[in-house]
Amino acid sequence: MAPSKLKKAIGRVKDQTRIGLAKVGGTTSLSDLDVAIVKATRHEEQPADERYIREIICITSYSRAYIIACINTMSRRLNKTKSWTVALKTLLLIHRLLNEGDPAYQQEIFFSTRRGTRILNLSDFRDTSRYRSWDFSAFVRTYALYLDEKLEYNIQDRRGEKAKTATIANENKEEENNEKESGAKSSHFREMKTEQIFTTLQHLQQLLERFLACRPI
């Protein structure tokens, strides 16, 4: 059997084994979630079936616990696999969930990453099964870096909006108490807003560079 055919056969066996283990473990919903994730990230070099992605989004919309379980499963999938196909499909799934899934995905992936899980840290990922796999591995590492940068920017932007809202509320309160003091405060806030703009531009420029680096070679 040719090496490429042998690899595909081994990949199919791994997928079926993982699906079988998922079906016999945990509650029905969690089992369905694990099965859907495995099927959406199969070893075969074809795009994931859209129905599995929609099923994952649907199941995880029930509660935050399912979102955490989904993140843990995807993290294990990324940490264990040496296949660029599985890694890339998992990253694509994460990207879809960040864009279309529950907003809690951003927070949970960000917090799990900062707790040490490092779900998007694939700096040491290597697929050495074939010569052309090296190029695909490089793309996987770059794509993961872009998603990590995008996630961090979104979280910081959200925090900035909350801080801005709190600042406006405090400013209005100061205006009611002391009009003169309010004038000094507003001048200070204008300076901080300008600084925030430059910080945001810097983040966006870095994010754009990460995005352009994902261009296939």
C-alpha atoms as a PDB file:
ATOM      1  CA  MET A   1       0.000   0.000   0.000  1.00  0.00           C
ATOM      2  CA  ALA A   2       1.345   3.443  -0.958  1.00  0.00           C
ATOM      3  CA  PRO A   3       2.325   5.740   1.938  1.00  0.00           C
ATOM      4  CA  SER A   4      -0.410   8.271   1.058  1.00  0.00           C
ATOM      5  CA  LYS A   5      -3.106   5.581   0.994  1.00  0.00           C
ATOM      6  CA  LEU A   6      -1.790   4.101   4.228  1.00  0.00           C
ATOM      7  CA  LYS A   7      -1.956   7.503   5.923  1.00  0.00           C
ATOM      8  CA  LYS A   8      -5.548   8.018   4.781  1.00  0.00           C
ATOM      9  CA  ALA A   9      -6.506   4.585   6.043  1.00  0.00           C
ATOM     10  CA  ILE A  10      -4.884   5.256   9.429  1.00  0.00           C
ATOM     11  CA  GLY A  11      -6.649   8.632   9.583  1.00  0.00           C
ATOM     12  CA  ARG A  12     -10.041   7.025   8.953  1.00  0.00           C
ATOM     13  CA  VAL A  13      -9.390   4.447  11.666  1.00  0.00           C
ATOM     14  CA  LYS A  14      -8.432   7.185  14.134  1.00  0.00           C
ATOM     15  CA  ASP A  15     -11.592   9.156  13.317  1.00  0.00           C
ATOM     16  CA  GLN A  16     -13.847   6.107  13.712  1.00  0.00           C
ATOM     17  CA  THR A  17     -12.144   5.169  16.985  1.00  0.00           C
ATOM     18  CA  ARG A  18     -12.578   8.693  18.362  1.00  0.00           C
ATOM     19  CA  ILE A  19     -16.238   8.732  17.279  1.00  0.00           C
ATOM     20  CA  GLY A  20     -16.817   5.382  18.968  1.00  0.00           C
ATOM     21  CA  LEU A  21     -15.249   6.598  22.219  1.00  0.00           C
ATOM     22  CA  ALA A  22     -17.325   9.794  22.112  1.00  0.00           C
ATOM     23  CA  LYS A  23     -20.576   7.866  21.703  1.00  0.00           C
ATOM     24  CA  VAL A  24     -20.042   5.733  24.812  1.00  0.00           C
ATOM     25  CA  GLY A  25     -18.853   8.520  27.123  1.00  0.00           C
ATOM     26  CA  GLY A  26     -20.729  11.292  28.924  1.00  0.00           C
ATOM     27  CA  THR A  27     -24.299  12.458  28.465  1.00  0.00           C
ATOM     28  CA  THR A  28     -26.139  12.250  25.166  1.00  0.00           C
ATOM     29  CA  SER A  29     -25.652  15.929  24.334  1.00  0.00           C
ATOM     30  CA  LEU A  30     -21.944  15.881  25.186  1.00  0.00           C
ATOM     31  CA  SER A  31     -21.493  12.692  23.171  1.00  0.00           C
ATOM     32  CA  ASP A  32     -23.263  14.272  20.200  1.00  0.00           C
ATOM     33  CA  LEU A  33     -21.040  17.330  20.582  1.00  0.00           C
ATOM     34  CA  ASP A  34     -17.820  15.280  20.591  1.00  0.00           C
ATOM     35  CA  VAL A  35     -18.979  13.241  17.591  1.00  0.00           C
ATOM     36  CA  ALA A  36     -19.860  16.389  15.644  1.00  0.00           C
ATOM     37  CA  ILE A  37     -16.441  17.927  16.378  1.00  0.00           C
ATOM     38  CA  VAL A  38     -14.607  14.799  15.214  1.00  0.00           C
ATOM     39  CA  LYS A  39     -16.703  14.608  12.056  1.00  0.00           C
ATOM     40  CA  ALA A  40     -16.096  18.294  11.342  1.00  0.00           C
ATOM     41  CA  THR A  41     -12.338  17.794  11.669  1.00  0.00           C
ATOM     42  CA  ARG A  42     -11.795  14.472   9.898  1.00  0.00           C
ATOM     43  CA  HIS A  43      -8.427  13.501   8.428  1.00  0.00           C
ATOM     44  CA  GLU A  44      -9.761  13.530   4.876  1.00  0.00           C
ATOM     45  CA  GLU A  45      -8.583  16.437   2.708  1.00  0.00           C
ATOM     46  CA  GLN A  46     -12.043  17.824   2.025  1.00  0.00           C
ATOM     47  CA  PRO A  47     -13.974  20.760   3.506  1.00  0.00           C
ATOM     48  CA  ALA A  48     -15.972  19.980   6.639  1.00  0.00           C
ATOM     49  CA  ASP A  49     -19.645  19.180   6.216  1.00  0.00           C
ATOM     50  CA  GLU A  50     -21.639  22.296   7.088  1.00  0.00           C
ATOM     51  CA  ARG A  51     -24.261  20.319   9.002  1.00  0.00           C
ATOM     52  CA  TYR A  52     -21.742  19.297  11.667  1.00  0.00           C
ATOM     53  CA  ILE A  53     -20.674  22.892  12.222  1.00  0.00           C
ATOM     54  CA  ARG A  54     -24.315  23.979  12.538  1.00  0.00           C
ATOM     55  CA  GLU A  55     -24.915  21.112  14.978  1.00  0.00           C
ATOM     56  CA  ILE A  56     -21.997  22.264  17.156  1.00  0.00           C
ATOM     57  CA  ILE A  57     -23.298  25.837  17.183  1.00  0.00           C
ATOM     58  CA  CYS A  58     -26.775  24.576  18.074  1.00  0.00           C
ATOM     59  CA  ILE A  59     -25.665  22.280  20.929  1.00  0.00           C
ATOM     60  CA  THR A  60     -23.382  24.882  22.504  1.00  0.00           C
ATOM     61  CA  SER A  61     -26.155  27.479  22.477  1.00  0.00           C
ATOM     62  CA  TYR A  62     -27.842  25.656  25.380  1.00  0.00           C
ATOM     63  CA  SER A  63     -25.390  26.564  28.120  1.00  0.00           C
ATOM     64  CA  ARG A  64     -21.885  27.810  28.857  1.00  0.00           C
ATOM     65  CA  ALA A  65     -20.959  24.323  30.109  1.00  0.00           C
ATOM     66  CA  TYR A  66     -21.294  22.970  26.558  1.00  0.00           C
ATOM     67  CA  ILE A  67     -19.112  25.795  25.265  1.00  0.00           C
ATOM     68  CA  ILE A  68     -16.379  24.882  27.761  1.00  0.00           C
ATOM     69  CA  ALA A  69     -16.706  21.204  26.816  1.00  0.00           C
ATOM     70  CA  CYS A  70     -16.439  22.123  23.132  1.00  0.00           C
ATOM     71  CA  ILE A  71     -13.287  24.177  23.729  1.00  0.00           C
ATOM     72  CA  ASN A  72     -11.709  21.365  25.752  1.00  0.00           C
ATOM     73  CA  THR A  73     -12.434  18.852  22.975  1.00  0.00           C
ATOM     74  CA  MET A  74     -10.985  21.114  20.284  1.00  0.00           C
ATOM     75  CA  SER A  75      -7.945  21.776  22.469  1.00  0.00           C
ATOM     76  CA  ARG A  76      -7.294  18.047  22.870  1.00  0.00           C
ATOM     77  CA  ARG A  77      -7.791  17.598  19.142  1.00  0.00           C
ATOM     78  CA  LEU A  78      -5.136  20.206  18.377  1.00  0.00           C
ATOM     79  CA  ASN A  79      -2.683  18.995  21.012  1.00  0.00           C
ATOM     80  CA  LYS A  80      -2.789  15.340  19.954  1.00  0.00           C
ATOM     81  CA  THR A  81      -2.922  15.558  16.170  1.00  0.00           C
ATOM     82  CA  LYS A  82       0.093  15.539  13.893  1.00  0.00           C
ATOM     83  CA  SER A  83      -2.058  15.942  10.795  1.00  0.00           C
ATOM     84  CA  TRP A  84      -2.185  19.359   9.137  1.00  0.00           C
ATOM     85  CA  THR A  85      -5.667  18.509   7.828  1.00  0.00           C
ATOM     86  CA  VAL A  86      -7.106  17.944  11.295  1.00  0.00           C
ATOM     87  CA  ALA A  87      -5.308  20.976  12.715  1.00  0.00           C
ATOM     88  CA  LEU A  88      -6.486  23.270   9.908  1.00  0.00           C
ATOM     89  CA  LYS A  89     -10.087  22.057  10.112  1.00  0.00           C
ATOM     90  CA  THR A  90     -10.075  22.566  13.873  1.00  0.00           C
ATOM     91  CA  LEU A  91      -8.790  26.125  13.449  1.00  0.00           C
ATOM     92  CA  LEU A  92     -11.449  26.785  10.811  1.00  0.00           C
ATOM     93  CA  LEU A  93     -14.053  25.462  13.226  1.00  0.00           C
ATOM     94  CA  ILE A  94     -12.756  27.760  15.974  1.00  0.00           C
ATOM     95  CA  HIS A  95     -12.882  30.692  13.547  1.00  0.00           C
ATOM     96  CA  ARG A  96     -16.503  29.917  12.684  1.00  0.00           C
ATOM     97  CA  LEU A  97     -17.477  29.575  16.334  1.00  0.00           C
ATOM     98  CA  LEU A  98     -15.824  32.891  17.208  1.00  0.00           C
ATOM     99  CA  ASN A  99     -17.741  34.612  14.409  1.00  0.00           C
ATOM    100  CA  GLU A 100     -21.096  32.825  14.523  1.00  0.00           C
ATOM    101  CA  GLY A 101     -21.264  31.032  17.866  1.00  0.00           C
ATOM    102  CA  ASP A 102     -22.235  32.264  21.297  1.00  0.00           C
ATOM    103  CA  PRO A 103     -20.300  35.405  22.383  1.00  0.00           C
ATOM    104  CA  ALA A 104     -19.066  33.390  25.368  1.00  0.00           C
ATOM    105  CA  TYR A 105     -16.689  31.546  23.011  1.00  0.00           C
ATOM    106  CA  GLN A 106     -14.393  34.556  22.863  1.00  0.00           C
ATOM    107  CA  GLN A 107     -14.156  34.859  26.634  1.00  0.00           C
ATOM    108  CA  GLU A 108     -13.740  31.139  27.305  1.00  0.00           C
ATOM    109  CA  ILE A 109     -11.068  30.597  24.637  1.00  0.00           C
ATOM    110  CA  PHE A 110      -9.238  33.721  25.792  1.00  0.00           C
ATOM    111  CA  PHE A 111      -9.361  32.720  29.470  1.00  0.00           C
ATOM    112  CA  SER A 112      -8.441  29.084  28.776  1.00  0.00           C
ATOM    113  CA  THR A 113      -5.493  30.287  26.713  1.00  0.00           C
ATOM    114  CA  ARG A 114      -4.301  32.562  29.495  1.00  0.00           C
ATOM    115  CA  ARG A 115      -4.759  29.772  32.074  1.00  0.00           C
ATOM    116  CA  GLY A 116      -2.185  27.710  30.224  1.00  0.00           C
ATOM    117  CA  THR A 117      -4.261  25.643  27.794  1.00  0.00           C
ATOM    118  CA  ARG A 118      -2.827  27.633  24.872  1.00  0.00           C
ATOM    119  CA  ILE A 119      -5.417  26.315  22.454  1.00  0.00           C
ATOM    120  CA  LEU A 120      -4.188  28.643  19.696  1.00  0.00           C
ATOM    121  CA  ASN A 121      -0.480  28.257  20.390  1.00  0.00           C
ATOM    122  CA  LEU A 122       0.685  25.934  17.593  1.00  0.00           C
ATOM    123  CA  SER A 123       4.203  27.294  17.266  1.00  0.00           C
ATOM    124  CA  ASP A 124       5.666  23.784  17.516  1.00  0.00           C
ATOM    125  CA  PHE A 125       3.166  22.074  15.196  1.00  0.00           C
ATOM    126  CA  ARG A 126       4.763  19.856  12.567  1.00  0.00           C
ATOM    127  CA  ASP A 127       3.312  17.393  10.075  1.00  0.00           C
ATOM    128  CA  THR A 128       6.253  15.352   8.814  1.00  0.00           C
ATOM    129  CA  SER A 129       4.271  12.686   6.974  1.00  0.00           C
ATOM    130  CA  ARG A 130       5.011  14.094   3.517  1.00  0.00           C
ATOM    131  CA  TYR A 131       7.325  16.642   1.973  1.00  0.00           C
ATOM    132  CA  ARG A 132       4.553  19.071   1.023  1.00  0.00           C
ATOM    133  CA  SER A 133       3.146  18.844   4.539  1.00  0.00           C
ATOM    134  CA  TRP A 134       5.857  21.255   5.715  1.00  0.00           C
ATOM    135  CA  ASP A 135       4.238  24.118   3.790  1.00  0.00           C
ATOM    136  CA  PHE A 136       0.815  23.218   5.179  1.00  0.00           C
ATOM    137  CA  SER A 137       2.255  23.064   8.689  1.00  0.00           C
ATOM    138  CA  ALA A 138       3.666  26.572   8.270  1.00  0.00           C
ATOM    139  CA  PHE A 139       0.244  27.818   7.183  1.00  0.00           C
ATOM    140  CA  VAL A 140      -1.406  26.174  10.210  1.00  0.00           C
ATOM    141  CA  ARG A 141       1.044  27.888  12.579  1.00  0.00           C
ATOM    142  CA  THR A 142       0.518  31.275  10.911  1.00  0.00           C
ATOM    143  CA  TYR A 143      -3.264  30.925  10.842  1.00  0.00           C
ATOM    144  CA  ALA A 144      -3.335  29.998  14.542  1.00  0.00           C
ATOM    145  CA  LEU A 145      -1.225  33.059  15.324  1.00  0.00           C
ATOM    146  CA  TYR A 146      -3.653  35.272  13.419  1.00  0.00           C
ATOM    147  CA  LEU A 147      -6.660  33.841  15.298  1.00  0.00           C
ATOM    148  CA  ASP A 148      -4.888  34.343  18.624  1.00  0.00           C
ATOM    149  CA  GLU A 149      -4.097  37.953  17.730  1.00  0.00           C
ATOM    150  CA  LYS A 150      -7.656  38.558  16.521  1.00  0.00           C
ATOM    151  CA  LEU A 151      -9.097  37.073  19.706  1.00  0.00           C
ATOM    152  CA  GLU A 152      -6.887  39.226  21.928  1.00  0.00           C
ATOM    153  CA  TYR A 153      -7.820  42.366  19.981  1.00  0.00           C
ATOM    154  CA  ASN A 154     -11.548  41.604  20.255  1.00  0.00           C
ATOM    155  CA  ILE A 155     -11.275  41.042  24.010  1.00  0.00           C
ATOM    156  CA  GLN A 156      -9.301  44.253  24.536  1.00  0.00           C
ATOM    157  CA  ASP A 157     -11.711  46.180  22.340  1.00  0.00           C
ATOM    158  CA  ARG A 158     -14.624  44.903  24.395  1.00  0.00           C
ATOM    159  CA  ARG A 159     -12.878  45.916  27.606  1.00  0.00           C
ATOM    160  CA  GLY A 160     -12.189  49.325  26.092  1.00  0.00           C
ATOM    161  CA  GLU A 161     -15.868  49.800  25.325  1.00  0.00           C
ATOM    162  CA  LYS A 162     -16.796  48.882  28.904  1.00  0.00           C
ATOM    163  CA  ALA A 163     -14.169  51.269  30.268  1.00  0.00           C
ATOM    164  CA  LYS A 164     -15.436  53.995  27.942  1.00  0.00           C
ATOM    165  CA  THR A 165     -19.001  53.478  29.167  1.00  0.00           C
ATOM    166  CA  ALA A 166     -17.869  53.632  32.786  1.00  0.00           C
ATOM    167  CA  THR A 167     -15.850  56.771  32.042  1.00  0.00           C
ATOM    168  CA  ILE A 168     -18.843  58.525  30.493  1.00  0.00           C
ATOM    169  CA  ALA A 169     -20.992  57.578  33.485  1.00  0.00           C
ATOM    170  CA  ASN A 170     -18.393  58.914  35.912  1.00  0.00           C
ATOM    171  CA  GLU A 171     -17.992  62.072  33.869  1.00  0.00           C
ATOM    172  CA  ASN A 172     -21.732  62.749  33.926  1.00  0.00           C
ATOM    173  CA  LYS A 173     -21.779  62.216  37.660  1.00  0.00           C
ATOM    174  CA  GLU A 174     -18.957  64.688  38.131  1.00  0.00           C
ATOM    175  CA  GLU A 175     -20.805  67.237  35.999  1.00  0.00           C
ATOM    176  CA  GLU A 176     -23.755  67.054  38.320  1.00  0.00           C
ATOM    177  CA  ASN A 177     -21.587  67.549  41.406  1.00  0.00           C
ATOM    178  CA  ASN A 178     -19.121  70.151  40.230  1.00  0.00           C
ATOM    179  CA  GLU A 179     -19.163  71.881  36.845  1.00  0.00           C
ATOM    180  CA  LYS A 180     -15.619  73.243  37.078  1.00  0.00           C
ATOM    181  CA  GLU A 181     -14.104  69.946  38.082  1.00  0.00           C
ATOM    182  CA  SER A 182     -15.972  68.361  35.237  1.00  0.00           C
ATOM    183  CA  GLY A 183     -14.183  70.621  32.762  1.00  0.00           C
ATOM    184  CA  ALA A 184     -10.788  69.443  33.957  1.00  0.00           C
ATOM    185  CA  LYS A 185     -11.903  65.815  33.825  1.00  0.00           C
ATOM    186  CA  SER A 186     -13.234  66.077  30.273  1.00  0.00           C
ATOM    187  CA  SER A 187      -9.905  67.505  29.092  1.00  0.00           C
ATOM    188  CA  HIS A 188      -8.138  64.523  30.670  1.00  0.00           C
ATOM    189  CA  PHE A 189     -10.555  62.088  29.044  1.00  0.00           C
ATOM    190  CA  ARG A 190      -9.986  63.672  25.641  1.00  0.00           C
ATOM    191  CA  GLU A 191      -6.269  62.995  25.978  1.00  0.00           C
ATOM    192  CA  MET A 192      -6.909  59.386  26.986  1.00  0.00           C
ATOM    193  CA  LYS A 193      -9.220  58.896  24.034  1.00  0.00           C
ATOM    194  CA  THR A 194      -6.522  60.043  21.630  1.00  0.00           C
ATOM    195  CA  GLU A 195      -4.038  57.651  23.202  1.00  0.00           C
ATOM    196  CA  GLN A 196      -6.563  54.880  22.917  1.00  0.00           C
ATOM    197  CA  ILE A 197      -6.974  55.634  19.215  1.00  0.00           C
ATOM    198  CA  PHE A 198      -3.240  55.276  18.590  1.00  0.00           C
ATOM    199  CA  THR A 199      -3.160  52.061  20.636  1.00  0.00           C
ATOM    200  CA  THR A 200      -6.069  50.685  18.631  1.00  0.00           C
ATOM    201  CA  LEU A 201      -4.396  51.610  15.347  1.00  0.00           C
ATOM    202  CA  GLN A 202      -1.254  49.795  16.456  1.00  0.00           C
ATOM    203  CA  HIS A 203      -3.256  46.694  17.310  1.00  0.00           C
ATOM    204  CA  LEU A 204      -5.111  46.818  13.994  1.00  0.00           C
ATOM    205  CA  GLN A 205      -1.871  47.198  12.058  1.00  0.00           C
ATOM    206  CA  GLN A 206      -0.409  44.148  13.788  1.00  0.00           C
ATOM    207  CA  LEU A 207      -3.610  42.217  13.153  1.00  0.00           C
ATOM    208  CA  LEU A 208      -3.474  43.159   9.465  1.00  0.00           C
ATOM    209  CA  GLU A 209       0.117  41.944   9.264  1.00  0.00           C
ATOM    210  CA  ARG A 210      -0.921  38.617  10.800  1.00  0.00           C
ATOM    211  CA  PHE A 211      -3.749  38.348   8.310  1.00  0.00           C
ATOM    212  CA  LEU A 212      -1.510  39.091   5.297  1.00  0.00           C
ATOM    213  CA  ALA A 213       0.996  36.536   6.554  1.00  0.00           C
ATOM    214  CA  CYS A 214      -1.704  33.881   6.157  1.00  0.00           C
ATOM    215  CA  ARG A 215      -1.568  34.241   2.388  1.00  0.00           C
ATOM    216  CA  PRO A 216      -0.764  30.772   0.984  1.00  0.00           C
ATOM    217  CA  ILE A 217       2.691  30.478  -0.564  1.00  0.00           C
END
